[in-house]
Amino acid sequence: MTDGSAVILGTVLAARIAVRRHLSAYTAAYVFQGLARGAFFLAGHPVVAVALLGVMRLASGVVIALDTTILLATVPAAVRGRVSSLHMTTYGAMARVSLALFAALLLVSDVRTVGVCTGAASVALGALWWHRRDPEAFRGYRAAVTARRHPADATTPAAGSGPSGV
């Protein structure tokens, strides 16, 4: 129950984040998710572990909602369905790969070590992405979303063009 409720709450929370903060919030949610994941495996008390699971899944809800929002805002309407299908298929495949990798790591290590290390990896990858971010991509994303919401006020050449130029 904590898992599903937290994801739904994270999705509701993400809808309230200003567009100019979407990419920053996306990164922060990945970092918080990783911190909570690592701490979950270190928790010595069941109540603390459940609370950390809730924090982890709340962050996950923000990630899921913003991932979809960012994708849909930066893909032209003509190919949105195909790109969304490819994205969901890839997401599902990567979830399976992740589970297989987790299982393989459990053959050589204990669950606590694997959990803490995967949490640390999430934090490190989020921090690396933030460090290597492209300020122009941030501006392009905001312009693409603004163009979709207010076509008459669009300052970009094509309402569907996003940070990747798609």
N, C-alpha and C. Protein backbone atom coordinates (compact mmCIF):
# COMPACT_ATOMS: atom_id res chain seq x y z
N MET A 1 0.82 -1.19 0.00
CA MET A 1 0.00 0.00 0.00
C MET A 1 0.86 1.26 0.00
N THR A 2 1.92 1.26 0.79
CA THR A 2 2.83 2.41 0.83
C THR A 2 3.40 2.67 -0.56
N ASP A 3 3.77 1.61 -1.25
CA ASP A 3 4.38 1.73 -2.56
C ASP A 3 3.48 2.45 -3.55
N GLY A 4 2.30 1.93 -3.78
CA GLY A 4 1.38 2.52 -4.75
C GLY A 4 0.93 3.91 -4.36
N SER A 5 0.60 4.11 -3.08
CA SER A 5 0.15 5.42 -2.60
C SER A 5 1.24 6.47 -2.78
N ALA A 6 2.47 6.10 -2.48
CA ALA A 6 3.58 7.05 -2.62
C ALA A 6 3.81 7.42 -4.08
N VAL A 7 3.70 6.47 -4.99
CA VAL A 7 3.88 6.77 -6.41
C VAL A 7 2.78 7.72 -6.88
N ILE A 8 1.55 7.46 -6.46
CA ILE A 8 0.43 8.34 -6.84
C ILE A 8 0.66 9.73 -6.27
N LEU A 9 1.04 9.83 -5.02
CA LEU A 9 1.31 11.12 -4.39
C LEU A 9 2.46 11.85 -5.11
N GLY A 10 3.50 11.12 -5.49
CA GLY A 10 4.61 11.71 -6.24
C GLY A 10 4.16 12.26 -7.58
N THR A 11 3.24 11.57 -8.23
CA THR A 11 2.71 12.03 -9.50
C THR A 11 1.90 13.31 -9.31
N VAL A 12 1.10 13.36 -8.24
CA VAL A 12 0.34 14.57 -7.93
C VAL A 12 1.29 15.72 -7.61
N LEU A 13 2.33 15.44 -6.85
CA LEU A 13 3.32 16.46 -6.51
C LEU A 13 4.02 16.98 -7.78
N ALA A 14 4.39 16.10 -8.67
CA ALA A 14 5.09 16.50 -9.90
C ALA A 14 4.25 17.46 -10.74
N ALA A 15 2.94 17.27 -10.73
CA ALA A 15 2.05 18.13 -11.51
C ALA A 15 2.06 19.57 -11.00
N ARG A 16 2.52 19.77 -9.79
CA ARG A 16 2.54 21.11 -9.21
C ARG A 16 3.90 21.80 -9.36
N ILE A 17 4.84 21.15 -9.97
CA ILE A 17 6.18 21.72 -10.15
C ILE A 17 6.18 22.62 -11.38
N ALA A 18 6.70 23.82 -11.23
CA ALA A 18 6.76 24.78 -12.34
C ALA A 18 7.62 24.21 -13.47
N VAL A 19 7.23 24.52 -14.70
CA VAL A 19 7.93 24.01 -15.88
C VAL A 19 9.42 24.35 -15.82
N ARG A 20 9.76 25.53 -15.38
CA ARG A 20 11.17 25.93 -15.35
C ARG A 20 12.00 25.07 -14.39
N ARG A 21 11.30 24.33 -13.52
CA ARG A 21 11.99 23.48 -12.54
C ARG A 21 11.86 21.99 -12.86
N HIS A 22 11.22 21.62 -13.96
CA HIS A 22 11.01 20.21 -14.28
C HIS A 22 12.32 19.42 -14.33
N LEU A 23 13.29 19.90 -15.08
CA LEU A 23 14.53 19.12 -15.24
C LEU A 23 15.32 19.07 -13.94
N SER A 24 15.32 20.15 -13.17
CA SER A 24 15.99 20.15 -11.87
C SER A 24 15.29 19.20 -10.90
N ALA A 25 13.96 19.24 -10.89
CA ALA A 25 13.19 18.36 -10.01
C ALA A 25 13.38 16.90 -10.40
N TYR A 26 13.46 16.64 -11.70
CA TYR A 26 13.69 15.29 -12.20
C TYR A 26 15.01 14.75 -11.64
N THR A 27 16.05 15.56 -11.72
CA THR A 27 17.36 15.17 -11.20
C THR A 27 17.31 14.99 -9.68
N ALA A 28 16.72 15.94 -8.99
CA ALA A 28 16.64 15.86 -7.53
C ALA A 28 15.87 14.61 -7.10
N ALA A 29 14.81 14.28 -7.81
CA ALA A 29 14.03 13.08 -7.47
C ALA A 29 14.87 11.82 -7.62
N TYR A 30 15.69 11.75 -8.67
CA TYR A 30 16.58 10.60 -8.83
C TYR A 30 17.57 10.51 -7.67
N VAL A 31 18.12 11.65 -7.27
CA VAL A 31 19.08 11.66 -6.18
C VAL A 31 18.40 11.25 -4.86
N PHE A 32 17.22 11.83 -4.57
CA PHE A 32 16.50 11.45 -3.35
C PHE A 32 16.10 9.98 -3.37
N GLN A 33 15.70 9.49 -4.54
CA GLN A 33 15.34 8.08 -4.67
C GLN A 33 16.54 7.21 -4.31
N GLY A 34 17.71 7.56 -4.81
CA GLY A 34 18.92 6.79 -4.52
C GLY A 34 19.32 6.86 -3.06
N LEU A 35 19.22 8.06 -2.47
CA LEU A 35 19.54 8.20 -1.04
C LEU A 35 18.60 7.37 -0.19
N ALA A 36 17.31 7.44 -0.49
CA ALA A 36 16.33 6.67 0.28
C ALA A 36 16.53 5.17 0.07
N ARG A 37 16.89 4.78 -1.14
CA ARG A 37 17.13 3.36 -1.42
C ARG A 37 18.30 2.84 -0.59
N GLY A 38 19.40 3.57 -0.62
CA GLY A 38 20.56 3.14 0.16
C GLY A 38 20.26 3.11 1.65
N ALA A 39 19.56 4.14 2.14
CA ALA A 39 19.22 4.20 3.56
C ALA A 39 18.23 3.08 3.95
N PHE A 40 17.33 2.73 3.03
CA PHE A 40 16.38 1.64 3.27
C PHE A 40 17.12 0.35 3.64
N PHE A 41 18.20 0.07 2.91
CA PHE A 41 18.94 -1.16 3.16
C PHE A 41 19.82 -1.08 4.40
N LEU A 42 20.00 0.12 4.92
CA LEU A 42 20.77 0.28 6.16
C LEU A 42 19.89 0.42 7.39
N ALA A 43 18.59 0.64 7.16
CA ALA A 43 17.66 0.87 8.28
C ALA A 43 17.66 -0.34 9.22
N GLY A 44 17.69 -0.05 10.51
CA GLY A 44 17.70 -1.13 11.49
C GLY A 44 16.35 -1.37 12.12
N HIS A 45 15.36 -0.62 11.71
CA HIS A 45 14.04 -0.75 12.31
C HIS A 45 12.98 -0.81 11.22
N PRO A 46 12.01 -1.71 11.34
CA PRO A 46 10.99 -1.87 10.28
C PRO A 46 10.20 -0.59 9.97
N VAL A 47 9.88 0.19 11.00
CA VAL A 47 9.10 1.42 10.77
C VAL A 47 9.94 2.42 9.96
N VAL A 48 11.21 2.52 10.28
CA VAL A 48 12.10 3.41 9.53
C VAL A 48 12.24 2.91 8.09
N ALA A 49 12.35 1.61 7.92
CA ALA A 49 12.46 1.03 6.58
C ALA A 49 11.22 1.33 5.74
N VAL A 50 10.03 1.21 6.34
CA VAL A 50 8.79 1.50 5.60
C VAL A 50 8.73 2.99 5.24
N ALA A 51 9.14 3.86 6.17
CA ALA A 51 9.15 5.29 5.88
C ALA A 51 10.12 5.60 4.72
N LEU A 52 11.29 4.97 4.73
CA LEU A 52 12.25 5.18 3.65
C LEU A 52 11.74 4.63 2.33
N LEU A 53 11.04 3.51 2.39
CA LEU A 53 10.41 2.97 1.19
C LEU A 53 9.40 3.97 0.64
N GLY A 54 8.64 4.60 1.52
CA GLY A 54 7.69 5.62 1.09
C GLY A 54 8.37 6.80 0.43
N VAL A 55 9.47 7.27 1.01
CA VAL A 55 10.23 8.38 0.43
C VAL A 55 10.79 7.98 -0.94
N MET A 56 11.31 6.76 -1.01
CA MET A 56 11.87 6.28 -2.28
C MET A 56 10.80 6.23 -3.36
N ARG A 57 9.64 5.71 -3.03
CA ARG A 57 8.57 5.59 -4.02
C ARG A 57 7.92 6.93 -4.32
N LEU A 58 7.90 7.86 -3.38
CA LEU A 58 7.42 9.22 -3.64
C LEU A 58 8.32 9.87 -4.70
N ALA A 59 9.62 9.74 -4.50
CA ALA A 59 10.57 10.26 -5.49
C ALA A 59 10.37 9.56 -6.83
N SER A 60 10.12 8.28 -6.80
CA SER A 60 9.88 7.53 -8.02
C SER A 60 8.65 8.04 -8.76
N GLY A 61 7.60 8.39 -8.01
CA GLY A 61 6.40 8.96 -8.63
C GLY A 61 6.70 10.26 -9.33
N VAL A 62 7.55 11.09 -8.73
CA VAL A 62 7.97 12.34 -9.36
C VAL A 62 8.75 12.04 -10.64
N VAL A 63 9.67 11.09 -10.57
CA VAL A 63 10.47 10.71 -11.74
C VAL A 63 9.56 10.21 -12.86
N ILE A 64 8.64 9.32 -12.55
CA ILE A 64 7.75 8.75 -13.57
C ILE A 64 6.93 9.85 -14.24
N ALA A 65 6.33 10.73 -13.43
CA ALA A 65 5.49 11.79 -13.99
C ALA A 65 6.29 12.77 -14.83
N LEU A 66 7.44 13.19 -14.33
CA LEU A 66 8.24 14.16 -15.08
C LEU A 66 8.87 13.52 -16.32
N ASP A 67 9.24 12.27 -16.22
CA ASP A 67 9.79 11.56 -17.39
C ASP A 67 8.78 11.60 -18.54
N THR A 68 7.55 11.27 -18.23
CA THR A 68 6.49 11.26 -19.24
C THR A 68 6.20 12.68 -19.73
N THR A 69 6.12 13.63 -18.82
CA THR A 69 5.85 15.02 -19.19
C THR A 69 6.93 15.58 -20.11
N ILE A 70 8.18 15.35 -19.75
CA ILE A 70 9.31 15.85 -20.55
C ILE A 70 9.32 15.19 -21.92
N LEU A 71 9.10 13.89 -21.95
CA LEU A 71 9.06 13.17 -23.22
C LEU A 71 7.98 13.74 -24.13
N LEU A 72 6.77 13.85 -23.62
CA LEU A 72 5.65 14.30 -24.45
C LEU A 72 5.79 15.76 -24.88
N ALA A 73 6.45 16.57 -24.06
CA ALA A 73 6.64 17.98 -24.42
C ALA A 73 7.68 18.19 -25.50
N THR A 74 8.56 17.22 -25.67
CA THR A 74 9.67 17.42 -26.60
C THR A 74 9.57 16.57 -27.87
N VAL A 75 8.46 15.87 -28.03
CA VAL A 75 8.28 15.02 -29.20
C VAL A 75 7.13 15.58 -30.04
N PRO A 76 7.34 15.75 -31.33
CA PRO A 76 6.25 16.26 -32.18
C PRO A 76 5.02 15.36 -32.12
N ALA A 77 3.86 15.98 -32.20
CA ALA A 77 2.59 15.26 -32.08
C ALA A 77 2.48 14.11 -33.09
N ALA A 78 3.03 14.28 -34.27
CA ALA A 78 2.91 13.28 -35.33
C ALA A 78 3.56 11.94 -34.96
N VAL A 79 4.54 11.95 -34.09
CA VAL A 79 5.24 10.71 -33.74
C VAL A 79 5.13 10.38 -32.25
N ARG A 80 4.35 11.14 -31.52
CA ARG A 80 4.25 10.97 -30.07
C ARG A 80 3.86 9.55 -29.66
N GLY A 81 2.89 8.95 -30.32
CA GLY A 81 2.45 7.59 -29.98
C GLY A 81 3.55 6.58 -30.18
N ARG A 82 4.25 6.69 -31.31
CA ARG A 82 5.34 5.74 -31.59
C ARG A 82 6.49 5.90 -30.61
N VAL A 83 6.84 7.15 -30.33
CA VAL A 83 7.94 7.39 -29.40
C VAL A 83 7.55 6.94 -27.99
N SER A 84 6.31 7.20 -27.59
CA SER A 84 5.86 6.76 -26.26
C SER A 84 5.87 5.23 -26.16
N SER A 85 5.44 4.56 -27.22
CA SER A 85 5.46 3.08 -27.22
C SER A 85 6.88 2.56 -27.12
N LEU A 86 7.79 3.15 -27.87
CA LEU A 86 9.20 2.75 -27.81
C LEU A 86 9.76 3.00 -26.42
N HIS A 87 9.41 4.14 -25.86
CA HIS A 87 9.89 4.50 -24.53
C HIS A 87 9.39 3.50 -23.48
N MET A 88 8.11 3.17 -23.52
CA MET A 88 7.55 2.24 -22.54
C MET A 88 8.13 0.83 -22.73
N THR A 89 8.34 0.43 -23.96
CA THR A 89 8.93 -0.89 -24.23
C THR A 89 10.37 -0.94 -23.69
N THR A 90 11.12 0.11 -23.95
CA THR A 90 12.50 0.19 -23.47
C THR A 90 12.52 0.23 -21.94
N TYR A 91 11.62 0.99 -21.36
CA TYR A 91 11.53 1.09 -19.91
C TYR A 91 11.27 -0.29 -19.29
N GLY A 92 10.33 -1.02 -19.85
CA GLY A 92 10.02 -2.37 -19.36
C GLY A 92 11.20 -3.31 -19.51
N ALA A 93 11.88 -3.23 -20.66
CA ALA A 93 13.04 -4.09 -20.89
C ALA A 93 14.16 -3.76 -19.91
N MET A 94 14.39 -2.49 -19.66
CA MET A 94 15.44 -2.10 -18.72
C MET A 94 15.10 -2.52 -17.29
N ALA A 95 13.83 -2.54 -16.96
CA ALA A 95 13.43 -3.02 -15.63
C ALA A 95 13.79 -4.49 -15.48
N ARG A 96 13.59 -5.26 -16.54
CA ARG A 96 13.94 -6.68 -16.49
C ARG A 96 15.45 -6.87 -16.43
N VAL A 97 16.17 -6.08 -17.19
CA VAL A 97 17.64 -6.14 -17.16
C VAL A 97 18.14 -5.78 -15.76
N SER A 98 17.54 -4.76 -15.17
CA SER A 98 17.91 -4.34 -13.83
C SER A 98 17.68 -5.46 -12.81
N LEU A 99 16.53 -6.12 -12.91
CA LEU A 99 16.26 -7.23 -11.99
C LEU A 99 17.25 -8.37 -12.19
N ALA A 100 17.59 -8.65 -13.43
CA ALA A 100 18.55 -9.71 -13.71
C ALA A 100 19.93 -9.34 -13.16
N LEU A 101 20.32 -8.09 -13.34
CA LEU A 101 21.61 -7.63 -12.81
C LEU A 101 21.62 -7.70 -11.28
N PHE A 102 20.52 -7.28 -10.68
CA PHE A 102 20.40 -7.34 -9.22
C PHE A 102 20.55 -8.79 -8.75
N ALA A 103 19.88 -9.71 -9.44
CA ALA A 103 19.96 -11.14 -9.08
C ALA A 103 21.39 -11.65 -9.24
N ALA A 104 22.07 -11.26 -10.32
CA ALA A 104 23.45 -11.69 -10.53
C ALA A 104 24.37 -11.15 -9.43
N LEU A 105 24.16 -9.91 -9.04
CA LEU A 105 24.97 -9.33 -7.97
C LEU A 105 24.73 -10.04 -6.63
N LEU A 106 23.50 -10.52 -6.43
CA LEU A 106 23.19 -11.25 -5.20
C LEU A 106 23.90 -12.59 -5.13
N LEU A 107 24.36 -13.09 -6.28
CA LEU A 107 25.13 -14.34 -6.27
C LEU A 107 26.51 -14.14 -5.66
N VAL A 108 27.02 -12.91 -5.73
CA VAL A 108 28.37 -12.65 -5.24
C VAL A 108 28.41 -11.71 -4.03
N SER A 109 27.25 -11.19 -3.63
CA SER A 109 27.23 -10.25 -2.51
C SER A 109 25.92 -10.38 -1.74
N ASP A 110 25.84 -9.71 -0.62
CA ASP A 110 24.62 -9.75 0.19
C ASP A 110 23.66 -8.64 -0.24
N VAL A 111 22.40 -8.77 0.14
CA VAL A 111 21.36 -7.85 -0.30
C VAL A 111 21.62 -6.42 0.19
N ARG A 112 22.13 -6.27 1.41
CA ARG A 112 22.40 -4.93 1.93
C ARG A 112 23.45 -4.21 1.09
N THR A 113 24.53 -4.89 0.76
CA THR A 113 25.58 -4.28 -0.05
C THR A 113 25.05 -3.90 -1.44
N VAL A 114 24.32 -4.81 -2.05
CA VAL A 114 23.77 -4.53 -3.38
C VAL A 114 22.80 -3.35 -3.31
N GLY A 115 21.93 -3.32 -2.31
CA GLY A 115 20.98 -2.23 -2.16
C GLY A 115 21.64 -0.89 -1.94
N VAL A 116 22.62 -0.84 -1.07
CA VAL A 116 23.34 0.41 -0.79
C VAL A 116 24.10 0.86 -2.04
N CYS A 117 24.75 -0.07 -2.71
CA CYS A 117 25.52 0.28 -3.91
C CYS A 117 24.63 0.76 -5.05
N THR A 118 23.46 0.14 -5.23
CA THR A 118 22.57 0.60 -6.30
C THR A 118 21.96 1.96 -5.94
N GLY A 119 21.71 2.21 -4.67
CA GLY A 119 21.26 3.53 -4.24
C GLY A 119 22.34 4.57 -4.50
N ALA A 120 23.58 4.23 -4.16
CA ALA A 120 24.69 5.16 -4.41
C ALA A 120 24.88 5.40 -5.91
N ALA A 121 24.66 4.37 -6.71
CA ALA A 121 24.77 4.53 -8.17
C ALA A 121 23.71 5.50 -8.68
N SER A 122 22.50 5.43 -8.15
CA SER A 122 21.43 6.35 -8.55
C SER A 122 21.81 7.79 -8.21
N VAL A 123 22.35 7.98 -7.01
CA VAL A 123 22.79 9.31 -6.60
C VAL A 123 23.91 9.80 -7.51
N ALA A 124 24.89 8.95 -7.77
CA ALA A 124 26.03 9.34 -8.60
C ALA A 124 25.61 9.66 -10.03
N LEU A 125 24.73 8.85 -10.60
CA LEU A 125 24.29 9.11 -11.97
C LEU A 125 23.45 10.39 -12.06
N GLY A 126 22.60 10.61 -11.07
CA GLY A 126 21.83 11.86 -11.04
C GLY A 126 22.74 13.07 -10.93
N ALA A 127 23.73 12.99 -10.05
CA ALA A 127 24.69 14.10 -9.89
C ALA A 127 25.52 14.30 -11.16
N LEU A 128 25.93 13.23 -11.79
CA LEU A 128 26.70 13.33 -13.04
C LEU A 128 25.86 13.98 -14.13
N TRP A 129 24.60 13.56 -14.26
CA TRP A 129 23.72 14.15 -15.28
C TRP A 129 23.57 15.64 -15.02
N TRP A 130 23.38 16.02 -13.75
CA TRP A 130 23.20 17.42 -13.41
C TRP A 130 24.48 18.20 -13.73
N HIS A 131 25.62 17.64 -13.41
CA HIS A 131 26.90 18.30 -13.66
C HIS A 131 27.12 18.52 -15.16
N ARG A 132 26.69 17.57 -15.98
CA ARG A 132 26.93 17.64 -17.43
C ARG A 132 25.75 18.24 -18.20
N ARG A 133 24.77 18.77 -17.49
CA ARG A 133 23.57 19.29 -18.14
C ARG A 133 23.93 20.37 -19.17
N ASP A 134 23.04 20.53 -20.11
CA ASP A 134 23.21 21.51 -21.18
C ASP A 134 22.23 22.65 -20.93
N PRO A 135 22.71 23.83 -20.56
CA PRO A 135 21.80 24.95 -20.29
C PRO A 135 20.89 25.26 -21.48
N GLU A 136 21.37 25.06 -22.69
CA GLU A 136 20.55 25.30 -23.87
C GLU A 136 19.37 24.31 -23.93
N ALA A 137 19.60 23.07 -23.51
CA ALA A 137 18.52 22.08 -23.47
C ALA A 137 17.44 22.50 -22.48
N PHE A 138 17.85 23.08 -21.35
CA PHE A 138 16.88 23.56 -20.37
C PHE A 138 16.02 24.66 -20.97
N ARG A 139 16.68 25.62 -21.64
CA ARG A 139 15.93 26.72 -22.27
C ARG A 139 15.04 26.18 -23.38
N GLY A 140 15.54 25.24 -24.15
CA GLY A 140 14.76 24.65 -25.24
C GLY A 140 13.54 23.91 -24.72
N TYR A 141 13.69 23.21 -23.62
CA TYR A 141 12.55 22.50 -23.04
C TYR A 141 11.47 23.49 -22.59
N ARG A 142 11.89 24.51 -21.87
CA ARG A 142 10.91 25.51 -21.41
C ARG A 142 10.21 26.16 -22.60
N ALA A 143 10.95 26.47 -23.65
CA ALA A 143 10.36 27.09 -24.84
C ALA A 143 9.37 26.14 -25.51
N ALA A 144 9.71 24.86 -25.58
CA ALA A 144 8.82 23.88 -26.21
C ALA A 144 7.51 23.75 -25.43
N VAL A 145 7.60 23.72 -24.10
CA VAL A 145 6.40 23.60 -23.29
C VAL A 145 5.56 24.87 -23.41
N THR A 146 6.21 26.02 -23.37
CA THR A 146 5.50 27.29 -23.51
C THR A 146 4.80 27.37 -24.86
N ALA A 147 5.48 26.92 -25.90
CA ALA A 147 4.91 26.96 -27.25
C ALA A 147 3.67 26.06 -27.35
N ARG A 148 3.70 24.93 -26.67
CA ARG A 148 2.54 24.02 -26.70
C ARG A 148 1.37 24.61 -25.92
N ARG A 149 1.66 25.29 -24.82
CA ARG A 149 0.59 25.83 -23.98
C ARG A 149 0.01 27.12 -24.56
N HIS A 150 0.89 27.93 -25.16
CA HIS A 150 0.48 29.24 -25.68
C HIS A 150 1.04 29.42 -27.09
N PRO A 151 0.47 28.77 -28.10
CA PRO A 151 1.02 28.81 -29.45
C PRO A 151 1.18 30.22 -30.00
N ALA A 152 0.29 31.14 -29.66
CA ALA A 152 0.38 32.50 -30.18
C ALA A 152 1.58 33.25 -29.62
N ASP A 153 2.04 32.85 -28.44
CA ASP A 153 3.18 33.52 -27.79
C ASP A 153 4.51 32.82 -28.07
N ALA A 154 4.48 31.80 -28.90
CA ALA A 154 5.68 30.98 -29.13
C ALA A 154 6.79 31.81 -29.75
N THR A 155 7.98 31.64 -29.20
CA THR A 155 9.14 32.32 -29.74
C THR A 155 10.06 31.36 -30.46
N THR A 156 9.68 30.08 -30.46
CA THR A 156 10.50 29.08 -31.14
C THR A 156 9.94 28.88 -32.54
N PRO A 157 10.78 28.48 -33.50
CA PRO A 157 10.32 28.32 -34.87
C PRO A 157 9.24 27.26 -35.04
N ALA A 158 9.33 26.17 -34.28
CA ALA A 158 8.34 25.10 -34.40
C ALA A 158 7.90 24.71 -33.01
N ALA A 159 6.60 24.68 -32.78
CA ALA A 159 6.08 24.40 -31.45
C ALA A 159 6.53 23.03 -30.95
N GLY A 160 6.80 22.11 -31.83
CA GLY A 160 7.19 20.76 -31.42
C GLY A 160 8.67 20.58 -31.21
N SER A 161 9.48 21.59 -31.53
CA SER A 161 10.92 21.39 -31.39
C SER A 161 11.32 21.50 -29.94
N GLY A 162 12.09 20.55 -29.48
CA GLY A 162 12.53 20.50 -28.09
C GLY A 162 14.03 20.58 -28.01
N PRO A 163 14.57 20.27 -26.86
CA PRO A 163 16.01 20.38 -26.65
C PRO A 163 16.82 19.51 -27.60
N SER A 164 16.23 18.42 -28.06
CA SER A 164 16.99 17.54 -28.97
C SER A 164 16.80 17.93 -30.42
N GLY A 165 15.97 18.95 -30.66
CA GLY A 165 15.74 19.39 -32.02
C GLY A 165 14.75 18.49 -32.75
N VAL A 166 14.08 17.57 -32.01
CA VAL A 166 13.15 16.65 -32.63
C VAL A 166 11.87 17.36 -32.98
